[in-house]
Amino acid sequence: MDAVIADIKDELSARGLSGQTVEDQLGVVQVVINGIIGVLTAFAAIALLAASFGIVNTLLMSVQERTREIGLMKAMGMPKARVFGLFSIEACVIGAVGAGIGAISATGVGSVISAAAADTLLTGLPGLQILLFDPVPVGIVVLVITGIAFVSGVLPARRAARRDPITSLRYE
């Protein structure tokens, strides 16, 4: 089949004409879409970096505000590992909830946009699907973001675990 198409294109070009198949048209559209996806991926990476700093700041403030509570827990005998675990789990929960809400929102909005664009603007290109939401990659992204949240929470968790209980109890 490809040989027949190539022969027809060669014959057309010999006559000074050109021809495109639906696959050629889809290829051009896919190149544009892949470029847009590349730009959006760069924005996503910047957003993840900003979110990491936000999580670090949130947890550092949480450690600061709960200084007396941390001191009381340590004075009552809570080991450093448990205090570290407490703040690490808090970071993971923040990351998982944020990623889950973001994934659900993005899937919903993206599906609506994809359906609208496929029904109006790109009706003449059969077989084109603008956005595909496979649950496995979306789940992997949620896990990666939760991991980033955990890594972002290590510094505040270590700071909380290392606090001196006596100094923490005197904190105003």
Protein backbone atom coordinates (compact mmCIF):
# COMPACT_ATOMS: atom_id res chain seq x y z
CA MET A 1 0.00 0.00 0.00
CA ASP A 2 2.84 2.40 0.86
CA ALA A 3 4.44 1.71 -2.52
CA VAL A 4 1.20 2.63 -4.32
CA ILE A 5 0.93 5.87 -2.36
CA ALA A 6 4.58 6.69 -3.08
CA ASP A 7 4.04 6.03 -6.81
CA ILE A 8 1.00 8.33 -6.87
CA LYS A 9 2.92 11.08 -5.06
CA ASP A 10 5.84 10.70 -7.50
CA GLU A 11 3.47 10.91 -10.45
CA LEU A 12 1.83 14.03 -9.02
CA SER A 13 5.18 15.70 -8.36
CA ALA A 14 6.26 14.94 -11.96
CA ARG A 15 3.24 16.93 -13.09
CA GLY A 16 4.05 19.80 -10.75
CA LEU A 17 1.42 18.89 -8.16
CA SER A 18 1.57 17.56 -4.65
CA GLY A 19 -0.64 15.24 -2.67
CA GLN A 20 -1.12 14.44 0.98
CA THR A 21 -2.73 11.51 2.69
CA VAL A 22 -4.65 11.73 5.94
CA GLU A 23 -1.59 10.29 7.68
CA ASP A 24 0.53 13.15 6.29
CA GLN A 25 -1.96 15.69 7.60
CA LEU A 26 -2.06 13.97 10.98
CA GLY A 27 1.74 14.00 11.03
CA VAL A 28 1.83 17.77 10.64
CA VAL A 29 -0.76 18.24 13.37
CA GLN A 30 1.10 15.78 15.65
CA VAL A 31 4.35 17.74 15.21
CA VAL A 32 2.59 20.92 16.36
CA ILE A 33 0.95 19.09 19.26
CA ASN A 34 4.28 17.52 20.30
CA GLY A 35 5.86 21.00 20.31
CA ILE A 36 3.09 22.30 22.54
CA ILE A 37 3.48 19.28 24.83
CA GLY A 38 7.21 20.00 25.11
CA VAL A 39 6.57 23.59 26.18
CA LEU A 40 3.91 22.48 28.67
CA THR A 41 6.29 19.87 30.08
CA ALA A 42 8.86 22.60 30.74
CA PHE A 43 6.20 24.65 32.53
CA ALA A 44 5.25 21.56 34.55
CA ALA A 45 8.85 21.07 35.65
CA ILE A 46 9.03 24.70 36.79
CA ALA A 47 5.71 24.28 38.61
CA LEU A 48 7.02 21.16 40.38
CA LEU A 49 10.09 23.07 41.51
CA ALA A 50 7.94 25.92 42.82
CA ALA A 51 5.63 23.43 44.55
CA SER A 52 8.65 21.82 46.23
CA PHE A 53 9.66 25.17 47.68
CA GLY A 54 6.06 25.72 48.78
CA ILE A 55 5.99 22.39 50.59
CA VAL A 56 9.33 23.11 52.28
CA ASN A 57 8.04 26.52 53.39
CA THR A 58 4.73 25.09 54.62
CA LEU A 59 6.44 22.38 56.65
CA LEU A 60 9.07 24.74 58.05
CA MET A 61 6.26 26.99 59.25
CA SER A 62 4.47 23.94 60.66
CA VAL A 63 7.61 22.99 62.60
CA GLN A 64 7.96 26.58 63.79
CA GLU A 65 4.34 26.82 64.93
CA ARG A 66 4.39 23.44 66.64
CA THR A 67 7.69 23.91 68.47
CA ARG A 68 6.14 23.49 71.92
CA GLU A 69 4.18 20.45 70.76
CA ILE A 70 7.37 18.87 69.37
CA GLY A 71 9.16 19.63 72.63
CA LEU A 72 6.36 18.02 74.62
CA MET A 73 6.36 14.92 72.41
CA LYS A 74 10.13 14.55 72.79
CA ALA A 75 10.01 15.24 76.55
CA MET A 76 7.41 12.47 76.87
CA GLY A 77 9.83 10.07 75.20
CA MET A 78 8.93 10.14 71.51
CA PRO A 79 12.04 9.09 69.59
CA LYS A 80 13.57 11.24 66.86
CA ALA A 81 12.58 8.71 64.21
CA ARG A 82 8.89 9.06 65.11
CA VAL A 83 9.05 12.86 64.99
CA PHE A 84 10.82 12.63 61.62
CA GLY A 85 8.17 10.17 60.41
CA LEU A 86 5.34 12.43 61.56
CA PHE A 87 6.53 15.36 59.45
CA SER A 88 7.55 13.13 56.54
CA ILE A 89 4.08 11.61 56.41
CA GLU A 90 2.59 15.11 56.55
CA ALA A 91 4.70 16.07 53.50
CA CYS A 92 3.60 12.93 51.62
CA VAL A 93 -0.06 13.59 52.40
CA ILE A 94 0.23 17.18 51.18
CA GLY A 95 1.88 15.98 47.96
CA ALA A 96 -0.54 13.09 47.36
CA VAL A 97 -3.68 15.17 47.98
CA GLY A 98 -2.41 18.00 45.78
CA ALA A 99 -1.37 15.63 43.01
CA GLY A 100 -4.66 13.73 43.21
CA ILE A 101 -6.75 16.88 42.98
CA GLY A 102 -4.56 18.14 40.14
CA ALA A 103 -4.76 14.85 38.21
CA ILE A 104 -8.54 14.65 38.53
CA SER A 105 -8.95 18.30 37.52
CA ALA A 106 -6.55 18.01 34.58
CA THR A 107 -8.21 14.84 33.33
CA GLY A 108 -11.66 16.42 33.48
CA VAL A 109 -10.68 19.71 31.85
CA GLY A 110 -8.47 17.98 29.28
CA SER A 111 -11.19 15.56 28.27
CA VAL A 112 -13.65 18.42 27.74
CA ILE A 113 -11.13 20.40 25.67
CA SER A 114 -10.17 17.34 23.63
CA ALA A 115 -13.78 16.50 22.86
CA ALA A 116 -14.57 20.10 21.92
CA ALA A 117 -11.55 20.43 19.62
CA ALA A 118 -12.12 17.05 17.98
CA ASP A 119 -15.79 17.83 17.29
CA THR A 120 -15.28 21.30 15.85
CA LEU A 121 -11.85 22.35 14.71
CA LEU A 122 -10.28 19.05 13.68
CA THR A 123 -13.28 17.09 12.39
CA GLY A 124 -11.63 16.43 9.01
CA LEU A 125 -8.77 14.46 10.54
CA PRO A 126 -10.09 11.01 11.40
CA GLY A 127 -8.22 9.05 14.02
CA LEU A 128 -6.74 12.09 15.74
CA GLN A 129 -6.97 12.11 19.50
CA ILE A 130 -5.57 15.25 21.01
CA LEU A 131 -5.35 14.22 24.66
CA LEU A 132 -5.23 10.69 25.98
CA PHE A 133 -5.44 10.00 29.69
CA ASP A 134 -4.06 6.58 30.51
CA PRO A 135 -4.53 5.80 34.22
CA VAL A 136 -1.09 4.19 34.62
CA PRO A 137 1.00 7.27 33.65
CA VAL A 138 -1.33 9.52 35.64
CA GLY A 139 -0.83 7.25 38.68
CA ILE A 140 2.93 7.31 38.12
CA VAL A 141 2.87 11.12 38.04
CA VAL A 142 0.93 11.19 41.32
CA LEU A 143 3.52 8.86 42.89
CA VAL A 144 6.42 10.95 41.55
CA ILE A 145 4.88 14.13 42.96
CA THR A 146 4.35 12.39 46.30
CA GLY A 147 8.03 11.40 46.21
CA ILE A 148 9.04 14.97 45.45
CA ALA A 149 6.90 16.11 48.39
CA PHE A 150 8.65 13.59 50.64
CA VAL A 151 12.08 14.79 49.53
CA SER A 152 10.94 18.38 50.06
CA GLY A 153 9.79 17.50 53.56
CA VAL A 154 13.06 15.88 54.68
CA LEU A 155 14.69 19.17 55.77
CA PRO A 156 11.78 20.33 57.96
CA ALA A 157 11.34 16.81 59.35
CA ARG A 158 15.02 16.61 60.29
CA ARG A 159 14.81 20.03 61.89
CA ALA A 160 11.81 18.93 63.97
CA ALA A 161 13.47 15.66 64.98
CA ARG A 162 16.66 17.41 66.13
CA ARG A 163 14.94 20.00 68.32
CA ASP A 164 16.01 20.02 71.94
CA PRO A 165 12.93 19.30 74.08
CA ILE A 166 13.86 21.74 76.85
CA THR A 167 14.50 24.61 74.45
CA SER A 168 11.29 23.78 72.58
CA LEU A 169 9.19 23.83 75.73
CA ARG A 170 10.52 27.31 76.60
CA TYR A 171 9.69 28.60 73.11
CA GLU A 172 7.14 31.43 73.04
